[in-house]
Amino acid sequence: MPPALLSRTLDPILGVFTGVFAYYLYEINPRSGIAQGDRLSELTAWRWAKWRNERRNKLSEGGEEEALDAIKKEVEKERE
């Protein structure tokens, strides 16, 4: 077993924290030159809104309900 820096459970937590903190510092550093619309939080919010709109469009078309009905029928057949 490889040696652990602090402990087996704390090392991965420390690694994730360090990575997230390093990325945060990279985004707020003026030398990085990231445009205001290209930050991770803004890109995530844009993608989430796009996904929500696509989901609403699918639900309003009724295609989702047909798919769910087909799955329900398959499950009922398997139960018999």
PDB file of N, CA and C in Angstrom:
ATOM      1  N   MET A   1       0.844  -1.171   0.000  1.00  0.00           N
ATOM      2  CA  MET A   1       0.000   0.000   0.000  1.00  0.00           C
ATOM      3  C   MET A   1       0.898   1.246   0.000  1.00  0.00           C
ATOM      4  N   PRO A   2       0.582   2.246  -0.855  1.00  0.00           N
ATOM      5  CA  PRO A   2       1.415   3.445  -0.918  1.00  0.00           C
ATOM      6  C   PRO A   2       1.283   4.270   0.360  1.00  0.00           C
ATOM      7  N   PRO A   3       2.317   4.982   0.692  1.00  0.00           N
ATOM      8  CA  PRO A   3       2.253   5.803   1.913  1.00  0.00           C
ATOM      9  C   PRO A   3       1.261   6.946   1.751  1.00  0.00           C
ATOM     10  N   ALA A   4       0.673   7.360   2.849  1.00  0.00           N
ATOM     11  CA  ALA A   4      -0.308   8.443   2.840  1.00  0.00           C
ATOM     12  C   ALA A   4       0.322   9.695   3.441  1.00  0.00           C
ATOM     13  N   LEU A   5      -0.025  10.818   2.889  1.00  0.00           N
ATOM     14  CA  LEU A   5       0.521  12.069   3.395  1.00  0.00           C
ATOM     15  C   LEU A   5      -0.056  12.388   4.773  1.00  0.00           C
ATOM     16  N   LEU A   6      -1.378  12.428   4.871  1.00  0.00           N
ATOM     17  CA  LEU A   6      -2.032  12.687   6.151  1.00  0.00           C
ATOM     18  C   LEU A   6      -2.807  11.456   6.613  1.00  0.00           C
ATOM     19  N   SER A   7      -3.728  11.016   5.786  1.00  0.00           N
ATOM     20  CA  SER A   7      -4.479   9.789   6.059  1.00  0.00           C
ATOM     21  C   SER A   7      -5.125   9.347   4.757  1.00  0.00           C
ATOM     22  N   ARG A   8      -5.643   8.142   4.731  1.00  0.00           N
ATOM     23  CA  ARG A   8      -6.232   7.608   3.501  1.00  0.00           C
ATOM     24  C   ARG A   8      -7.478   8.369   3.081  1.00  0.00           C
ATOM     25  N   THR A   9      -8.222   8.900   4.019  1.00  0.00           N
ATOM     26  CA  THR A   9      -9.441   9.619   3.664  1.00  0.00           C
ATOM     27  C   THR A   9      -9.200  11.119   3.492  1.00  0.00           C
ATOM     28  N   LEU A  10      -8.247  11.665   4.210  1.00  0.00           N
ATOM     29  CA  LEU A  10      -8.006  13.103   4.147  1.00  0.00           C
ATOM     30  C   LEU A  10      -7.222  13.504   2.902  1.00  0.00           C
ATOM     31  N   ASP A  11      -6.371  12.624   2.389  1.00  0.00           N
ATOM     32  CA  ASP A  11      -5.582  12.949   1.206  1.00  0.00           C
ATOM     33  C   ASP A  11      -6.449  13.274  -0.018  1.00  0.00           C
ATOM     34  N   PRO A  12      -7.450  12.460  -0.365  1.00  0.00           N
ATOM     35  CA  PRO A  12      -8.286  12.838  -1.518  1.00  0.00           C
ATOM     36  C   PRO A  12      -9.062  14.135  -1.300  1.00  0.00           C
ATOM     37  N   ILE A  13      -9.529  14.357  -0.083  1.00  0.00           N
ATOM     38  CA  ILE A  13     -10.253  15.597   0.218  1.00  0.00           C
ATOM     39  C   ILE A  13      -9.318  16.792   0.051  1.00  0.00           C
ATOM     40  N   LEU A  14      -8.102  16.660   0.539  1.00  0.00           N
ATOM     41  CA  LEU A  14      -7.112  17.723   0.396  1.00  0.00           C
ATOM     42  C   LEU A  14      -6.795  17.964  -1.075  1.00  0.00           C
ATOM     43  N   GLY A  15      -6.703  16.908  -1.860  1.00  0.00           N
ATOM     44  CA  GLY A  15      -6.419  17.043  -3.287  1.00  0.00           C
ATOM     45  C   GLY A  15      -7.526  17.765  -4.027  1.00  0.00           C
ATOM     46  N   VAL A  16      -8.775  17.411  -3.757  1.00  0.00           N
ATOM     47  CA  VAL A  16      -9.908  18.070  -4.411  1.00  0.00           C
ATOM     48  C   VAL A  16      -9.980  19.535  -3.990  1.00  0.00           C
ATOM     49  N   PHE A  17      -9.812  19.801  -2.705  1.00  0.00           N
ATOM     50  CA  PHE A  17      -9.834  21.183  -2.220  1.00  0.00           C
ATOM     51  C   PHE A  17      -8.739  22.008  -2.878  1.00  0.00           C
ATOM     52  N   THR A  18      -7.543  21.449  -2.974  1.00  0.00           N
ATOM     53  CA  THR A  18      -6.429  22.168  -3.584  1.00  0.00           C
ATOM     54  C   THR A  18      -6.719  22.472  -5.049  1.00  0.00           C
ATOM     55  N   GLY A  19      -7.274  21.514  -5.772  1.00  0.00           N
ATOM     56  CA  GLY A  19      -7.592  21.727  -7.175  1.00  0.00           C
ATOM     57  C   GLY A  19      -8.657  22.788  -7.377  1.00  0.00           C
ATOM     58  N   VAL A  20      -9.709  22.736  -6.587  1.00  0.00           N
ATOM     59  CA  VAL A  20     -10.788  23.729  -6.705  1.00  0.00           C
ATOM     60  C   VAL A  20     -10.265  25.113  -6.342  1.00  0.00           C
ATOM     61  N   PHE A  21      -9.485  25.194  -5.290  1.00  0.00           N
ATOM     62  CA  PHE A  21      -8.934  26.475  -4.861  1.00  0.00           C
ATOM     63  C   PHE A  21      -7.972  27.037  -5.918  1.00  0.00           C
ATOM     64  N   ALA A  22      -7.155  26.183  -6.514  1.00  0.00           N
ATOM     65  CA  ALA A  22      -6.229  26.629  -7.557  1.00  0.00           C
ATOM     66  C   ALA A  22      -6.994  27.158  -8.762  1.00  0.00           C
ATOM     67  N   TYR A  23      -8.085  26.483  -9.150  1.00  0.00           N
ATOM     68  CA  TYR A  23      -8.877  26.958 -10.283  1.00  0.00           C
ATOM     69  C   TYR A  23      -9.552  28.285  -9.953  1.00  0.00           C
ATOM     70  N   TYR A  24     -10.037  28.425  -8.730  1.00  0.00           N
ATOM     71  CA  TYR A  24     -10.638  29.685  -8.298  1.00  0.00           C
ATOM     72  C   TYR A  24      -9.611  30.825  -8.399  1.00  0.00           C
ATOM     73  N   LEU A  25      -8.402  30.573  -7.913  1.00  0.00           N
ATOM     74  CA  LEU A  25      -7.369  31.595  -7.991  1.00  0.00           C
ATOM     75  C   LEU A  25      -7.016  31.912  -9.440  1.00  0.00           C
ATOM     76  N   TYR A  26      -7.016  30.912 -10.297  1.00  0.00           N
ATOM     77  CA  TYR A  26      -6.745  31.114 -11.721  1.00  0.00           C
ATOM     78  C   TYR A  26      -7.809  32.014 -12.348  1.00  0.00           C
ATOM     79  N   GLU A  27      -9.063  31.820 -11.990  1.00  0.00           N
ATOM     80  CA  GLU A  27     -10.134  32.620 -12.575  1.00  0.00           C
ATOM     81  C   GLU A  27     -10.124  34.066 -12.090  1.00  0.00           C
ATOM     82  N   ILE A  28      -9.773  34.308 -10.841  1.00  0.00           N
ATOM     83  CA  ILE A  28      -9.823  35.682 -10.344  1.00  0.00           C
ATOM     84  C   ILE A  28      -8.521  36.445 -10.576  1.00  0.00           C
ATOM     85  N   ASN A  29      -7.466  35.769 -11.019  1.00  0.00           N
ATOM     86  CA  ASN A  29      -6.192  36.434 -11.256  1.00  0.00           C
ATOM     87  C   ASN A  29      -6.304  37.308 -12.504  1.00  0.00           C
ATOM     88  N   PRO A  30      -5.962  38.596 -12.400  1.00  0.00           N
ATOM     89  CA  PRO A  30      -6.074  39.466 -13.566  1.00  0.00           C
ATOM     90  C   PRO A  30      -5.119  39.085 -14.700  1.00  0.00           C
ATOM     91  N   ARG A  31      -4.040  38.401 -14.405  1.00  0.00           N
ATOM     92  CA  ARG A  31      -3.099  38.006 -15.452  1.00  0.00           C
ATOM     93  C   ARG A  31      -3.665  36.913 -16.354  1.00  0.00           C
ATOM     94  N   SER A  32      -4.615  36.148 -15.866  1.00  0.00           N
ATOM     95  CA  SER A  32      -5.190  35.069 -16.668  1.00  0.00           C
ATOM     96  C   SER A  32      -5.944  35.630 -17.864  1.00  0.00           C
ATOM     97  N   GLY A  33      -6.563  36.763 -17.690  1.00  0.00           N
ATOM     98  CA  GLY A  33      -7.248  37.424 -18.791  1.00  0.00           C
ATOM     99  C   GLY A  33      -8.511  36.717 -19.244  1.00  0.00           C
ATOM    100  N   ILE A  34      -9.214  36.066 -18.338  1.00  0.00           N
ATOM    101  CA  ILE A  34     -10.466  35.399 -18.706  1.00  0.00           C
ATOM    102  C   ILE A  34     -11.541  36.456 -18.863  1.00  0.00           C
ATOM    103  N   ALA A  35     -12.244  36.414 -19.984  1.00  0.00           N
ATOM    104  CA  ALA A  35     -13.312  37.382 -20.226  1.00  0.00           C
ATOM    105  C   ALA A  35     -14.451  37.167 -19.228  1.00  0.00           C
ATOM    106  N   GLN A  36     -15.209  38.214 -19.001  1.00  0.00           N
ATOM    107  CA  GLN A  36     -16.274  38.155 -17.995  1.00  0.00           C
ATOM    108  C   GLN A  36     -17.304  37.075 -18.312  1.00  0.00           C
ATOM    109  N   GLY A  37     -17.628  36.825 -19.564  1.00  0.00           N
ATOM    110  CA  GLY A  37     -18.637  35.828 -19.918  1.00  0.00           C
ATOM    111  C   GLY A  37     -18.106  34.411 -19.983  1.00  0.00           C
ATOM    112  N   ASP A  38     -16.797  34.239 -19.845  1.00  0.00           N
ATOM    113  CA  ASP A  38     -16.193  32.918 -19.982  1.00  0.00           C
ATOM    114  C   ASP A  38     -15.823  32.259 -18.662  1.00  0.00           C
ATOM    115  N   ARG A  39     -16.267  32.799 -17.576  1.00  0.00           N
ATOM    116  CA  ARG A  39     -15.966  32.194 -16.273  1.00  0.00           C
ATOM    117  C   ARG A  39     -16.821  30.945 -16.069  1.00  0.00           C
ATOM    118  N   LEU A  40     -16.321  30.027 -15.258  1.00  0.00           N
ATOM    119  CA  LEU A  40     -16.979  28.739 -15.078  1.00  0.00           C
ATOM    120  C   LEU A  40     -18.398  28.892 -14.545  1.00  0.00           C
ATOM    121  N   SER A  41     -18.603  29.773 -13.589  1.00  0.00           N
ATOM    122  CA  SER A  41     -19.943  29.945 -13.015  1.00  0.00           C
ATOM    123  C   SER A  41     -20.934  30.447 -14.069  1.00  0.00           C
ATOM    124  N   GLU A  42     -20.499  31.367 -14.915  1.00  0.00           N
ATOM    125  CA  GLU A  42     -21.390  31.897 -15.951  1.00  0.00           C
ATOM    126  C   GLU A  42     -21.656  30.858 -17.033  1.00  0.00           C
ATOM    127  N   LEU A  43     -20.638  30.101 -17.403  1.00  0.00           N
ATOM    128  CA  LEU A  43     -20.831  29.054 -18.410  1.00  0.00           C
ATOM    129  C   LEU A  43     -21.745  27.948 -17.884  1.00  0.00           C
ATOM    130  N   THR A  44     -21.606  27.618 -16.604  1.00  0.00           N
ATOM    131  CA  THR A  44     -22.468  26.605 -16.001  1.00  0.00           C
ATOM    132  C   THR A  44     -23.915  27.089 -15.951  1.00  0.00           C
ATOM    133  N   ALA A  45     -24.122  28.348 -15.578  1.00  0.00           N
ATOM    134  CA  ALA A  45     -25.480  28.899 -15.536  1.00  0.00           C
ATOM    135  C   ALA A  45     -26.095  28.924 -16.936  1.00  0.00           C
ATOM    136  N   TRP A  46     -25.300  29.269 -17.949  1.00  0.00           N
ATOM    137  CA  TRP A  46     -25.803  29.287 -19.327  1.00  0.00           C
ATOM    138  C   TRP A  46     -26.199  27.891 -19.776  1.00  0.00           C
ATOM    139  N   ARG A  47     -25.359  26.900 -19.483  1.00  0.00           N
ATOM    140  CA  ARG A  47     -25.642  25.523 -19.893  1.00  0.00           C
ATOM    141  C   ARG A  47     -26.877  24.986 -19.167  1.00  0.00           C
ATOM    142  N   TRP A  48     -27.006  25.312 -17.892  1.00  0.00           N
ATOM    143  CA  TRP A  48     -28.160  24.862 -17.104  1.00  0.00           C
ATOM    144  C   TRP A  48     -29.453  25.457 -17.666  1.00  0.00           C
ATOM    145  N   ALA A  49     -29.434  26.743 -18.024  1.00  0.00           N
ATOM    146  CA  ALA A  49     -30.613  27.387 -18.600  1.00  0.00           C
ATOM    147  C   ALA A  49     -30.950  26.769 -19.959  1.00  0.00           C
ATOM    148  N   LYS A  50     -29.949  26.474 -20.749  1.00  0.00           N
ATOM    149  CA  LYS A  50     -30.179  25.833 -22.047  1.00  0.00           C
ATOM    150  C   LYS A  50     -30.813  24.461 -21.864  1.00  0.00           C
ATOM    151  N   TRP A  51     -30.316  23.684 -20.912  1.00  0.00           N
ATOM    152  CA  TRP A  51     -30.869  22.349 -20.643  1.00  0.00           C
ATOM    153  C   TRP A  51     -32.315  22.446 -20.173  1.00  0.00           C
ATOM    154  N   ARG A  52     -32.601  23.417 -19.282  1.00  0.00           N
ATOM    155  CA  ARG A  52     -33.963  23.597 -18.784  1.00  0.00           C
ATOM    156  C   ARG A  52     -34.925  23.938 -19.907  1.00  0.00           C
ATOM    157  N   ASN A  53     -34.507  24.821 -20.821  1.00  0.00           N
ATOM    158  CA  ASN A  53     -35.373  25.195 -21.943  1.00  0.00           C
ATOM    159  C   ASN A  53     -35.630  24.007 -22.853  1.00  0.00           C
ATOM    160  N   GLU A  54     -34.595  23.207 -23.130  1.00  0.00           N
ATOM    161  CA  GLU A  54     -34.786  22.014 -23.957  1.00  0.00           C
ATOM    162  C   GLU A  54     -35.738  21.036 -23.283  1.00  0.00           C
ATOM    163  N   ARG A  55     -35.600  20.893 -21.982  1.00  0.00           N
ATOM    164  CA  ARG A  55     -36.461  19.985 -21.222  1.00  0.00           C
ATOM    165  C   ARG A  55     -37.910  20.467 -21.266  1.00  0.00           C
ATOM    166  N   ARG A  56     -38.135  21.764 -21.079  1.00  0.00           N
ATOM    167  CA  ARG A  56     -39.493  22.317 -21.151  1.00  0.00           C
ATOM    168  C   ARG A  56     -40.106  22.094 -22.525  1.00  0.00           C
ATOM    169  N   ASN A  57     -39.298  22.280 -23.576  1.00  0.00           N
ATOM    170  CA  ASN A  57     -39.806  22.075 -24.932  1.00  0.00           C
ATOM    171  C   ASN A  57     -40.205  20.622 -25.149  1.00  0.00           C
ATOM    172  N   LYS A  58     -39.417  19.695 -24.650  1.00  0.00           N
ATOM    173  CA  LYS A  58     -39.757  18.278 -24.785  1.00  0.00           C
ATOM    174  C   LYS A  58     -41.046  17.954 -24.043  1.00  0.00           C
ATOM    175  N   LEU A  59     -41.188  18.481 -22.844  1.00  0.00           N
ATOM    176  CA  LEU A  59     -42.386  18.212 -22.055  1.00  0.00           C
ATOM    177  C   LEU A  59     -43.618  18.854 -22.673  1.00  0.00           C
ATOM    178  N   SER A  60     -43.460  20.019 -23.259  1.00  0.00           N
ATOM    179  CA  SER A  60     -44.620  20.675 -23.856  1.00  0.00           C
ATOM    180  C   SER A  60     -45.053  19.987 -25.148  1.00  0.00           C
ATOM    181  N   GLU A  61     -44.127  19.327 -25.841  1.00  0.00           N
ATOM    182  CA  GLU A  61     -44.464  18.599 -27.059  1.00  0.00           C
ATOM    183  C   GLU A  61     -45.172  17.282 -26.766  1.00  0.00           C
ATOM    184  N   GLY A  62     -44.989  16.746 -25.606  1.00  0.00           N
ATOM    185  CA  GLY A  62     -45.636  15.501 -25.232  1.00  0.00           C
ATOM    186  C   GLY A  62     -44.829  14.266 -25.578  1.00  0.00           C
ATOM    187  N   GLY A  63     -43.672  14.431 -26.148  1.00  0.00           N
ATOM    188  CA  GLY A  63     -42.833  13.292 -26.503  1.00  0.00           C
ATOM    189  C   GLY A  63     -42.374  12.518 -25.281  1.00  0.00           C
ATOM    190  N   GLU A  64     -42.197  13.202 -24.213  1.00  0.00           N
ATOM    191  CA  GLU A  64     -41.756  12.569 -22.974  1.00  0.00           C
ATOM    192  C   GLU A  64     -42.843  11.646 -22.415  1.00  0.00           C
ATOM    193  N   GLU A  65     -44.075  12.098 -22.494  1.00  0.00           N
ATOM    194  CA  GLU A  65     -45.178  11.292 -21.963  1.00  0.00           C
ATOM    195  C   GLU A  65     -45.330   9.984 -22.730  1.00  0.00           C
ATOM    196  N   GLU A  66     -45.143  10.037 -24.037  1.00  0.00           N
ATOM    197  CA  GLU A  66     -45.234   8.829 -24.847  1.00  0.00           C
ATOM    198  C   GLU A  66     -44.128   7.848 -24.478  1.00  0.00           C
ATOM    199  N   ALA A  67     -42.952   8.368 -24.255  1.00  0.00           N
ATOM    200  CA  ALA A  67     -41.834   7.511 -23.868  1.00  0.00           C
ATOM    201  C   ALA A  67     -42.099   6.875 -22.503  1.00  0.00           C
ATOM    202  N   LEU A  68     -42.634   7.650 -21.574  1.00  0.00           N
ATOM    203  CA  LEU A  68     -42.940   7.104 -20.248  1.00  0.00           C
ATOM    204  C   LEU A  68     -44.035   6.047 -20.318  1.00  0.00           C
ATOM    205  N   ASP A  69     -45.044   6.272 -21.174  1.00  0.00           N
ATOM    206  CA  ASP A  69     -46.098   5.271 -21.346  1.00  0.00           C
ATOM    207  C   ASP A  69     -45.545   3.971 -21.903  1.00  0.00           C
ATOM    208  N   ALA A  70     -44.606   4.063 -22.836  1.00  0.00           N
ATOM    209  CA  ALA A  70     -43.994   2.864 -23.409  1.00  0.00           C
ATOM    210  C   ALA A  70     -43.205   2.107 -22.346  1.00  0.00           C
ATOM    211  N   ILE A  71     -42.499   2.817 -21.511  1.00  0.00           N
ATOM    212  CA  ILE A  71     -41.731   2.172 -20.435  1.00  0.00           C
ATOM    213  C   ILE A  71     -42.669   1.510 -19.438  1.00  0.00           C
ATOM    214  N   LYS A  72     -43.766   2.178 -19.101  1.00  0.00           N
ATOM    215  CA  LYS A  72     -44.737   1.596 -18.170  1.00  0.00           C
ATOM    216  C   LYS A  72     -45.318   0.298 -18.726  1.00  0.00           C
ATOM    217  N   LYS A  73     -45.613   0.294 -20.017  1.00  0.00           N
ATOM    218  CA  LYS A  73     -46.144  -0.910 -20.641  1.00  0.00           C
ATOM    219  C   LYS A  73     -45.142  -2.061 -20.602  1.00  0.00           C
ATOM    220  N   GLU A  74     -43.881  -1.768 -20.831  1.00  0.00           N
ATOM    221  CA  GLU A  74     -42.831  -2.790 -20.765  1.00  0.00           C
ATOM    222  C   GLU A  74     -42.719  -3.364 -19.363  1.00  0.00           C
ATOM    223  N   VAL A  75     -42.790  -2.503 -18.373  1.00  0.00           N
ATOM    224  CA  VAL A  75     -42.687  -2.954 -16.980  1.00  0.00           C
ATOM    225  C   VAL A  75     -43.878  -3.833 -16.638  1.00  0.00           C
ATOM    226  N   GLU A  76     -45.061  -3.446 -17.073  1.00  0.00           N
ATOM    227  CA  GLU A  76     -46.263  -4.243 -16.791  1.00  0.00           C
ATOM    228  C   GLU A  76     -46.177  -5.608 -17.465  1.00  0.00           C
ATOM    229  N   LYS A  77     -45.621  -5.678 -18.665  1.00  0.00           N
ATOM    230  CA  LYS A  77     -45.458  -6.955 -19.363  1.00  0.00           C
ATOM    231  C   LYS A  77     -44.503  -7.856 -18.602  1.00  0.00           C
ATOM    232  N   GLU A  78     -43.435  -7.296 -18.064  1.00  0.00           N
ATOM    233  CA  GLU A  78     -42.452  -8.077 -17.323  1.00  0.00           C
ATOM    234  C   GLU A  78     -43.051  -8.603 -16.027  1.00  0.00           C
ATOM    235  N   ARG A  79     -43.941  -7.869 -15.416  1.00  0.00           N
ATOM    236  CA  ARG A  79     -44.554  -8.299 -14.168  1.00  0.00           C
ATOM    237  C   ARG A  79     -45.508  -9.467 -14.376  1.00  0.00           C
ATOM    238  N   GLU A  80     -46.086  -9.587 -15.563  1.00  0.00           N
ATOM    239  CA  GLU A  80     -47.048 -10.653 -15.830  1.00  0.00           C
ATOM    240  C   GLU A  80     -46.400 -11.967 -16.034  1.00  0.00           C
TER     241      GLU A  80
END
